Amino acid sequence: MTYLFCIIFIKILLIYISLKYFIISRNYTVKKLKYSNLLYVPFFNISKKCTVTTSTHFGRHL
């Protein structure tokens, strides 16, 4: 269950990052970039937790 959630989350994260870089390349204002960074921090924290859970998940099967 957690493993499946992590795969979905990572896919969403990749889409989010690509959108973020697209916005940066479009030369948006600094204020909007600061706001997107505030959103990015919790995403990064969850993705770190997911990396740990997926690695332990694979570790159990080895």
C-alpha atoms as a PDB file:
ATOM      1  CA  MET A   1       0.000   0.000   0.000  1.00  0.00           C
ATOM      2  CA  THR A   2       2.687   2.484   1.035  1.00  0.00           C
ATOM      3  CA  TYR A   3       4.897   1.319  -1.831  1.00  0.00           C
ATOM      4  CA  LEU A   4       2.134   1.952  -4.384  1.00  0.00           C
ATOM      5  CA  PHE A   5       1.440   5.393  -2.907  1.00  0.00           C
ATOM      6  CA  CYS A   6       5.129   6.254  -3.246  1.00  0.00           C
ATOM      7  CA  ILE A   7       5.198   5.336  -6.944  1.00  0.00           C
ATOM      8  CA  ILE A   8       2.164   7.553  -7.600  1.00  0.00           C
ATOM      9  CA  PHE A   9       3.656  10.325  -5.476  1.00  0.00           C
ATOM     10  CA  ILE A  10       6.999  10.243  -7.301  1.00  0.00           C
ATOM     11  CA  LYS A  11       5.191  10.480 -10.661  1.00  0.00           C
ATOM     12  CA  ILE A  12       3.268  13.531  -9.419  1.00  0.00           C
ATOM     13  CA  LEU A  13       6.516  14.987  -8.075  1.00  0.00           C
ATOM     14  CA  LEU A  14       8.229  14.605 -11.458  1.00  0.00           C
ATOM     15  CA  ILE A  15       5.336  16.367 -13.199  1.00  0.00           C
ATOM     16  CA  TYR A  16       5.422  19.110 -10.550  1.00  0.00           C
ATOM     17  CA  ILE A  17       9.182  19.648 -10.958  1.00  0.00           C
ATOM     18  CA  SER A  18       8.930  19.797 -14.752  1.00  0.00           C
ATOM     19  CA  LEU A  19       6.111  22.344 -14.462  1.00  0.00           C
ATOM     20  CA  LYS A  20       8.161  24.340 -11.974  1.00  0.00           C
ATOM     21  CA  TYR A  21      11.139  24.516 -14.343  1.00  0.00           C
ATOM     22  CA  PHE A  22       8.826  25.409 -17.190  1.00  0.00           C
ATOM     23  CA  ILE A  23       7.501  28.337 -15.137  1.00  0.00           C
ATOM     24  CA  ILE A  24      11.083  29.438 -14.350  1.00  0.00           C
ATOM     25  CA  SER A  25      11.996  29.300 -18.043  1.00  0.00           C
ATOM     26  CA  ARG A  26       8.993  31.504 -18.795  1.00  0.00           C
ATOM     27  CA  ASN A  27      10.631  34.245 -16.634  1.00  0.00           C
ATOM     28  CA  TYR A  28       7.955  34.563 -13.980  1.00  0.00           C
ATOM     29  CA  THR A  29       8.235  37.052 -11.131  1.00  0.00           C
ATOM     30  CA  VAL A  30      10.405  36.374  -8.083  1.00  0.00           C
ATOM     31  CA  LYS A  31       7.315  36.463  -5.846  1.00  0.00           C
ATOM     32  CA  LYS A  32       5.748  33.535  -7.713  1.00  0.00           C
ATOM     33  CA  LEU A  33       8.990  31.573  -7.538  1.00  0.00           C
ATOM     34  CA  LYS A  34       9.185  32.099  -3.778  1.00  0.00           C
ATOM     35  CA  TYR A  35       5.615  30.801  -3.471  1.00  0.00           C
ATOM     36  CA  SER A  36       6.402  27.705  -5.539  1.00  0.00           C
ATOM     37  CA  ASN A  37       9.434  27.029  -3.317  1.00  0.00           C
ATOM     38  CA  LEU A  38       7.146  27.026  -0.267  1.00  0.00           C
ATOM     39  CA  LEU A  39       5.107  24.305  -1.974  1.00  0.00           C
ATOM     40  CA  TYR A  40       8.236  22.424  -3.004  1.00  0.00           C
ATOM     41  CA  VAL A  41       9.629  21.940   0.522  1.00  0.00           C
ATOM     42  CA  PRO A  42       6.853  19.617   1.850  1.00  0.00           C
ATOM     43  CA  PHE A  43       6.968  17.717  -1.454  1.00  0.00           C
ATOM     44  CA  PHE A  44      10.690  17.155  -0.993  1.00  0.00           C
ATOM     45  CA  ASN A  45      10.244  15.966   2.613  1.00  0.00           C
ATOM     46  CA  ILE A  46       7.611  13.387   1.612  1.00  0.00           C
ATOM     47  CA  SER A  47       9.695  12.189  -1.332  1.00  0.00           C
ATOM     48  CA  LYS A  48      12.644  11.603   1.037  1.00  0.00           C
ATOM     49  CA  LYS A  49      10.377   9.474   3.263  1.00  0.00           C
ATOM     50  CA  CYS A  50       9.167   7.592   0.203  1.00  0.00           C
ATOM     51  CA  THR A  51      12.710   6.850  -0.919  1.00  0.00           C
ATOM     52  CA  VAL A  52      13.404   5.312   2.498  1.00  0.00           C
ATOM     53  CA  THR A  53      10.225   3.202   2.456  1.00  0.00           C
ATOM     54  CA  THR A  54      10.795   1.953  -1.101  1.00  0.00           C
ATOM     55  CA  SER A  55      14.428   1.054  -0.376  1.00  0.00           C
ATOM     56  CA  THR A  56      13.431  -0.882   2.771  1.00  0.00           C
ATOM     57  CA  HIS A  57      10.625  -2.522   0.764  1.00  0.00           C
ATOM     58  CA  PHE A  58      13.145  -3.768  -1.803  1.00  0.00           C
ATOM     59  CA  GLY A  59      15.564  -4.702   0.974  1.00  0.00           C
ATOM     60  CA  ARG A  60      13.013  -7.077   2.521  1.00  0.00           C
ATOM     61  CA  HIS A  61      12.510  -8.903  -0.766  1.00  0.00           C
ATOM     62  CA  LEU A  62      16.229  -9.464  -1.381  1.00  0.00           C
END
